[in-house]
Amino acid sequence: LRAHMAAIGHPIVGDGKYGGGGQENL
């Protein structure tokens, strides 16, 4: 679930492993 949501550009909040620690949409 964590890898899939990050893969579509919407990581699970708080998931630094797959979504990083930033807040921006780069």
PDB file of all heavy atoms in Angstrom:
ATOM      1  N   LEU A   1       0.830  -1.207   0.000  1.00  0.00           N
ATOM      2  CA  LEU A   1       0.000   0.000   0.000  1.00  0.00           C
ATOM      3  C   LEU A   1       0.864   1.255   0.000  1.00  0.00           C
ATOM      4  O   LEU A   1       0.576   2.225  -0.709  1.00  0.00           O
ATOM      5  CB  LEU A   1      -0.939  -0.004   1.209  1.00  0.00           C
ATOM      6  CG  LEU A   1      -1.853  -1.226   1.357  1.00  0.00           C
ATOM      7  CD1 LEU A   1      -2.755  -1.066   2.567  1.00  0.00           C
ATOM      8  CD2 LEU A   1      -2.682  -1.453   0.102  1.00  0.00           C
ATOM      9  N   ARG A   2       1.929   1.220   0.775  1.00  0.00           N
ATOM     10  CA  ARG A   2       2.816   2.382   0.867  1.00  0.00           C
ATOM     11  C   ARG A   2       3.521   2.635  -0.465  1.00  0.00           C
ATOM     12  O   ARG A   2       3.583   3.781  -0.951  1.00  0.00           O
ATOM     13  CB  ARG A   2       3.820   2.162   1.989  1.00  0.00           C
ATOM     14  CG  ARG A   2       3.169   2.046   3.360  1.00  0.00           C
ATOM     15  CD  ARG A   2       4.103   1.437   4.401  1.00  0.00           C
ATOM     16  NE  ARG A   2       5.285   2.280   4.604  1.00  0.00           N
ATOM     17  CZ  ARG A   2       6.290   1.950   5.400  1.00  0.00           C
ATOM     18  NH1 ARG A   2       6.264   0.785   6.043  1.00  0.00           N
ATOM     19  NH2 ARG A   2       7.322   2.759   5.545  1.00  0.00           N
ATOM     20  N   ALA A   3       4.044   1.590  -1.076  1.00  0.00           N
ATOM     21  CA  ALA A   3       4.744   1.743  -2.353  1.00  0.00           C
ATOM     22  C   ALA A   3       3.795   2.166  -3.460  1.00  0.00           C
ATOM     23  O   ALA A   3       4.141   2.998  -4.305  1.00  0.00           O
ATOM     24  CB  ALA A   3       5.450   0.436  -2.718  1.00  0.00           C
ATOM     25  N   HIS A   4       2.582   1.625  -3.462  1.00  0.00           N
ATOM     26  CA  HIS A   4       1.631   1.951  -4.524  1.00  0.00           C
ATOM     27  C   HIS A   4       1.168   3.403  -4.447  1.00  0.00           C
ATOM     28  O   HIS A   4       1.084   4.090  -5.476  1.00  0.00           O
ATOM     29  CB  HIS A   4       0.437   1.008  -4.459  1.00  0.00           C
ATOM     30  CG  HIS A   4       0.615  -0.212  -5.307  1.00  0.00           C
ATOM     31  ND1 HIS A   4      -0.260  -1.275  -5.291  1.00  0.00           N
ATOM     32  CD2 HIS A   4       1.576  -0.541  -6.227  1.00  0.00           C
ATOM     33  CE1 HIS A   4       0.150  -2.204  -6.147  1.00  0.00           C
ATOM     34  NE2 HIS A   4       1.260  -1.776  -6.717  1.00  0.00           N
ATOM     35  N   MET A   5       0.839   3.880  -3.252  1.00  0.00           N
ATOM     36  CA  MET A   5       0.367   5.261  -3.167  1.00  0.00           C
ATOM     37  C   MET A   5       1.484   6.246  -3.509  1.00  0.00           C
ATOM     38  O   MET A   5       1.251   7.266  -4.167  1.00  0.00           O
ATOM     39  CB  MET A   5      -0.203   5.544  -1.776  1.00  0.00           C
ATOM     40  CG  MET A   5      -1.473   4.744  -1.453  1.00  0.00           C
ATOM     41  SD  MET A   5      -2.736   4.751  -2.766  1.00  0.00           S
ATOM     42  CE  MET A   5      -3.181   6.491  -2.811  1.00  0.00           C
ATOM     43  N   ALA A   6       2.713   5.933  -3.102  1.00  0.00           N
ATOM     44  CA  ALA A   6       3.833   6.797  -3.490  1.00  0.00           C
ATOM     45  C   ALA A   6       4.045   6.763  -4.998  1.00  0.00           C
ATOM     46  O   ALA A   6       4.389   7.781  -5.609  1.00  0.00           O
ATOM     47  CB  ALA A   6       5.103   6.356  -2.763  1.00  0.00           C
ATOM     48  N   ALA A   7       3.806   5.599  -5.615  1.00  0.00           N
ATOM     49  CA  ALA A   7       4.046   5.456  -7.054  1.00  0.00           C
ATOM     50  C   ALA A   7       3.104   6.318  -7.880  1.00  0.00           C
ATOM     51  O   ALA A   7       3.460   6.744  -8.991  1.00  0.00           O
ATOM     52  CB  ALA A   7       3.909   3.988  -7.468  1.00  0.00           C
ATOM     53  N   ILE A   8       1.902   6.597  -7.373  1.00  0.00           N
ATOM     54  CA  ILE A   8       0.975   7.450  -8.127  1.00  0.00           C
ATOM     55  C   ILE A   8       1.073   8.904  -7.681  1.00  0.00           C
ATOM     56  O   ILE A   8       0.232   9.739  -8.042  1.00  0.00           O
ATOM     57  CB  ILE A   8      -0.487   6.951  -8.032  1.00  0.00           C
ATOM     58  CG1 ILE A   8      -1.022   7.036  -6.604  1.00  0.00           C
ATOM     59  CG2 ILE A   8      -0.604   5.535  -8.578  1.00  0.00           C
ATOM     60  CD1 ILE A   8      -2.534   6.798  -6.502  1.00  0.00           C
ATOM     61  N   GLY A   9       2.113   9.226  -6.909  1.00  0.00           N
ATOM     62  CA  GLY A   9       2.371  10.611  -6.533  1.00  0.00           C
ATOM     63  C   GLY A   9       1.637  11.091  -5.308  1.00  0.00           C
ATOM     64  O   GLY A   9       1.627  12.288  -5.020  1.00  0.00           O
ATOM     65  N   HIS A  10       1.038  10.156  -4.540  1.00  0.00           N
ATOM     66  CA  HIS A  10       0.273  10.534  -3.345  1.00  0.00           C
ATOM     67  C   HIS A  10       0.679   9.631  -2.182  1.00  0.00           C
ATOM     68  O   HIS A  10      -0.094   8.765  -1.749  1.00  0.00           O
ATOM     69  CB  HIS A  10      -1.230  10.435  -3.619  1.00  0.00           C
ATOM     70  CG  HIS A  10      -1.694  11.337  -4.714  1.00  0.00           C
ATOM     71  ND1 HIS A  10      -1.843  12.695  -4.543  1.00  0.00           N
ATOM     72  CD2 HIS A  10      -1.979  11.075  -6.018  1.00  0.00           C
ATOM     73  CE1 HIS A  10      -2.231  13.238  -5.696  1.00  0.00           C
ATOM     74  NE2 HIS A  10      -2.318  12.280  -6.597  1.00  0.00           N
ATOM     75  N   PRO A  11       1.897   9.824  -1.659  1.00  0.00           N
ATOM     76  CA  PRO A  11       2.365   8.960  -0.570  1.00  0.00           C
ATOM     77  C   PRO A  11       1.511   9.111   0.677  1.00  0.00           C
ATOM     78  O   PRO A  11       0.878  10.147   0.911  1.00  0.00           O
ATOM     79  CB  PRO A  11       3.795   9.450  -0.324  1.00  0.00           C
ATOM     80  CG  PRO A  11       3.790  10.876  -0.789  1.00  0.00           C
ATOM     81  CD  PRO A  11       2.866  10.893  -1.977  1.00  0.00           C
ATOM     82  N   ILE A  12       1.504   8.053   1.473  1.00  0.00           N
ATOM     83  CA  ILE A  12       0.790   8.097   2.738  1.00  0.00           C
ATOM     84  C   ILE A  12       1.517   9.058   3.681  1.00  0.00           C
ATOM     85  O   ILE A  12       2.747   9.040   3.788  1.00  0.00           O
ATOM     86  CB  ILE A  12       0.703   6.689   3.349  1.00  0.00           C
ATOM     87  CG1 ILE A  12      -0.146   5.798   2.425  1.00  0.00           C
ATOM     88  CG2 ILE A  12       0.112   6.727   4.752  1.00  0.00           C
ATOM     89  CD1 ILE A  12      -0.150   4.330   2.803  1.00  0.00           C
ATOM     90  N   VAL A  13       0.767   9.924   4.311  1.00  0.00           N
ATOM     91  CA  VAL A  13       1.348  10.940   5.190  1.00  0.00           C
ATOM     92  C   VAL A  13       2.175  10.262   6.289  1.00  0.00           C
ATOM     93  O   VAL A  13       1.737   9.291   6.921  1.00  0.00           O
ATOM     94  CB  VAL A  13       0.239  11.815   5.798  1.00  0.00           C
ATOM     95  CG1 VAL A  13       0.784  12.712   6.903  1.00  0.00           C
ATOM     96  CG2 VAL A  13      -0.421  12.654   4.706  1.00  0.00           C
ATOM     97  N   GLY A  14       3.386  10.760   6.494  1.00  0.00           N
ATOM     98  CA  GLY A  14       4.288  10.221   7.488  1.00  0.00           C
ATOM     99  C   GLY A  14       5.183   9.105   6.988  1.00  0.00           C
ATOM    100  O   GLY A  14       6.003   8.596   7.745  1.00  0.00           O
ATOM    101  N   ASP A  15       5.053   8.744   5.717  1.00  0.00           N
ATOM    102  CA  ASP A  15       5.843   7.633   5.176  1.00  0.00           C
ATOM    103  C   ASP A  15       7.143   8.147   4.561  1.00  0.00           C
ATOM    104  O   ASP A  15       7.256   8.317   3.353  1.00  0.00           O
ATOM    105  CB  ASP A  15       5.034   6.854   4.140  1.00  0.00           C
ATOM    106  CG  ASP A  15       5.712   5.544   3.732  1.00  0.00           C
ATOM    107  OD1 ASP A  15       6.806   5.266   4.255  1.00  0.00           O
ATOM    108  OD2 ASP A  15       5.133   4.823   2.901  1.00  0.00           O
ATOM    109  N   GLY A  16       8.129   8.397   5.425  1.00  0.00           N
ATOM    110  CA  GLY A  16       9.405   8.896   4.930  1.00  0.00           C
ATOM    111  C   GLY A  16      10.148   7.914   4.056  1.00  0.00           C
ATOM    112  O   GLY A  16      10.921   8.311   3.185  1.00  0.00           O
ATOM    113  N   LYS A  17       9.918   6.612   4.244  1.00  0.00           N
ATOM    114  CA  LYS A  17      10.621   5.602   3.440  1.00  0.00           C
ATOM    115  C   LYS A  17      10.252   5.708   1.969  1.00  0.00           C
ATOM    116  O   LYS A  17      11.105   5.622   1.084  1.00  0.00           O
ATOM    117  CB  LYS A  17      10.298   4.196   3.958  1.00  0.00           C
ATOM    118  CG  LYS A  17      10.995   3.082   3.165  1.00  0.00           C
ATOM    119  CD  LYS A  17      10.570   1.710   3.635  1.00  0.00           C
ATOM    120  CE  LYS A  17      11.178   1.311   4.961  1.00  0.00           C
ATOM    121  NZ  LYS A  17      12.587   0.869   4.805  1.00  0.00           N
ATOM    122  N   TYR A  18       8.967   5.914   1.669  1.00  0.00           N
ATOM    123  CA  TYR A  18       8.529   5.937   0.278  1.00  0.00           C
ATOM    124  C   TYR A  18       8.169   7.330  -0.231  1.00  0.00           C
ATOM    125  O   TYR A  18       8.160   7.553  -1.442  1.00  0.00           O
ATOM    126  CB  TYR A  18       7.328   4.997   0.094  1.00  0.00           C
ATOM    127  CG  TYR A  18       7.726   3.551   0.204  1.00  0.00           C
ATOM    128  CD1 TYR A  18       7.611   2.865   1.413  1.00  0.00           C
ATOM    129  CD2 TYR A  18       8.256   2.865  -0.880  1.00  0.00           C
ATOM    130  CE1 TYR A  18       8.003   1.547   1.537  1.00  0.00           C
ATOM    131  CE2 TYR A  18       8.652   1.546  -0.777  1.00  0.00           C
ATOM    132  CZ  TYR A  18       8.523   0.890   0.432  1.00  0.00           C
ATOM    133  OH  TYR A  18       8.922  -0.424   0.551  1.00  0.00           O
ATOM    134  N   GLY A  19       7.877   8.251   0.678  1.00  0.00           N
ATOM    135  CA  GLY A  19       7.455   9.564   0.231  1.00  0.00           C
ATOM    136  C   GLY A  19       8.390  10.695   0.597  1.00  0.00           C
ATOM    137  O   GLY A  19       8.155  11.839   0.231  1.00  0.00           O
ATOM    138  N   GLY A  20       9.474  10.374   1.337  1.00  0.00           N
ATOM    139  CA  GLY A  20      10.406  11.411   1.741  1.00  0.00           C
ATOM    140  C   GLY A  20       9.857  12.272   2.860  1.00  0.00           C
ATOM    141  O   GLY A  20       8.750  12.067   3.352  1.00  0.00           O
ATOM    142  N   GLY A  21      10.634  13.260   3.253  1.00  0.00           N
ATOM    143  CA  GLY A  21      10.251  14.099   4.378  1.00  0.00           C
ATOM    144  C   GLY A  21       9.779  15.476   3.987  1.00  0.00           C
ATOM    145  O   GLY A  21       9.573  16.330   4.838  1.00  0.00           O
ATOM    146  N   GLY A  22       9.597  15.723   2.677  1.00  0.00           N
ATOM    147  CA  GLY A  22       9.198  17.051   2.217  1.00  0.00           C
ATOM    148  C   GLY A  22       7.705  17.273   2.243  1.00  0.00           C
ATOM    149  O   GLY A  22       6.918  16.369   2.517  1.00  0.00           O
ATOM    150  N   GLN A  23       7.301  18.506   1.929  1.00  0.00           N
ATOM    151  CA  GLN A  23       5.889  18.872   1.896  1.00  0.00           C
ATOM    152  C   GLN A  23       5.445  19.334   0.515  1.00  0.00           C
ATOM    153  O   GLN A  23       4.252  19.480   0.267  1.00  0.00           O
ATOM    154  CB  GLN A  23       5.621  20.009   2.895  1.00  0.00           C
ATOM    155  CG  GLN A  23       5.943  19.653   4.332  1.00  0.00           C
ATOM    156  CD  GLN A  23       5.724  20.829   5.270  1.00  0.00           C
ATOM    157  OE1 GLN A  23       4.884  21.679   5.013  1.00  0.00           O
ATOM    158  NE2 GLN A  23       6.489  20.880   6.345  1.00  0.00           N
ATOM    159  N   GLU A  24       6.388  19.547  -0.396  1.00  0.00           N
ATOM    160  CA  GLU A  24       6.056  20.144  -1.689  1.00  0.00           C
ATOM    161  C   GLU A  24       5.714  19.105  -2.738  1.00  0.00           C
ATOM    162  O   GLU A  24       6.077  17.938  -2.626  1.00  0.00           O
ATOM    163  CB  GLU A  24       7.239  20.969  -2.198  1.00  0.00           C
ATOM    164  CG  GLU A  24       7.620  22.127  -1.309  1.00  0.00           C
ATOM    165  CD  GLU A  24       8.838  22.847  -1.861  1.00  0.00           C
ATOM    166  OE1 GLU A  24       9.961  22.356  -1.684  1.00  0.00           O
ATOM    167  OE2 GLU A  24       8.635  23.904  -2.489  1.00  0.00           O
ATOM    168  N   ASN A  25       5.038  19.551  -3.779  1.00  0.00           N
ATOM    169  CA  ASN A  25       4.840  18.744  -4.984  1.00  0.00           C
ATOM    170  C   ASN A  25       5.867  19.225  -5.994  1.00  0.00           C
ATOM    171  O   ASN A  25       5.746  20.314  -6.550  1.00  0.00           O
ATOM    172  CB  ASN A  25       3.412  18.936  -5.518  1.00  0.00           C
ATOM    173  CG  ASN A  25       3.129  18.015  -6.689  1.00  0.00           C
ATOM    174  OD1 ASN A  25       4.050  17.551  -7.366  1.00  0.00           O
ATOM    175  ND2 ASN A  25       1.860  17.746  -6.925  1.00  0.00           N
ATOM    176  N   LEU A  26       6.891  18.404  -6.212  1.00  0.00           N
ATOM    177  CA  LEU A  26       7.991  18.809  -7.086  1.00  0.00           C
ATOM    178  C   LEU A  26       7.787  18.340  -8.518  1.00  0.00           C
ATOM    179  O   LEU A  26       8.715  18.328  -9.311  1.00  0.00           O
ATOM    180  CB  LEU A  26       9.307  18.260  -6.535  1.00  0.00           C
ATOM    181  CG  LEU A  26       9.666  18.756  -5.125  1.00  0.00           C
ATOM    182  CD1 LEU A  26      10.962  18.118  -4.635  1.00  0.00           C
ATOM    183  CD2 LEU A  26       9.776  20.270  -5.098  1.00  0.00           C
TER     184      LEU A  26
END
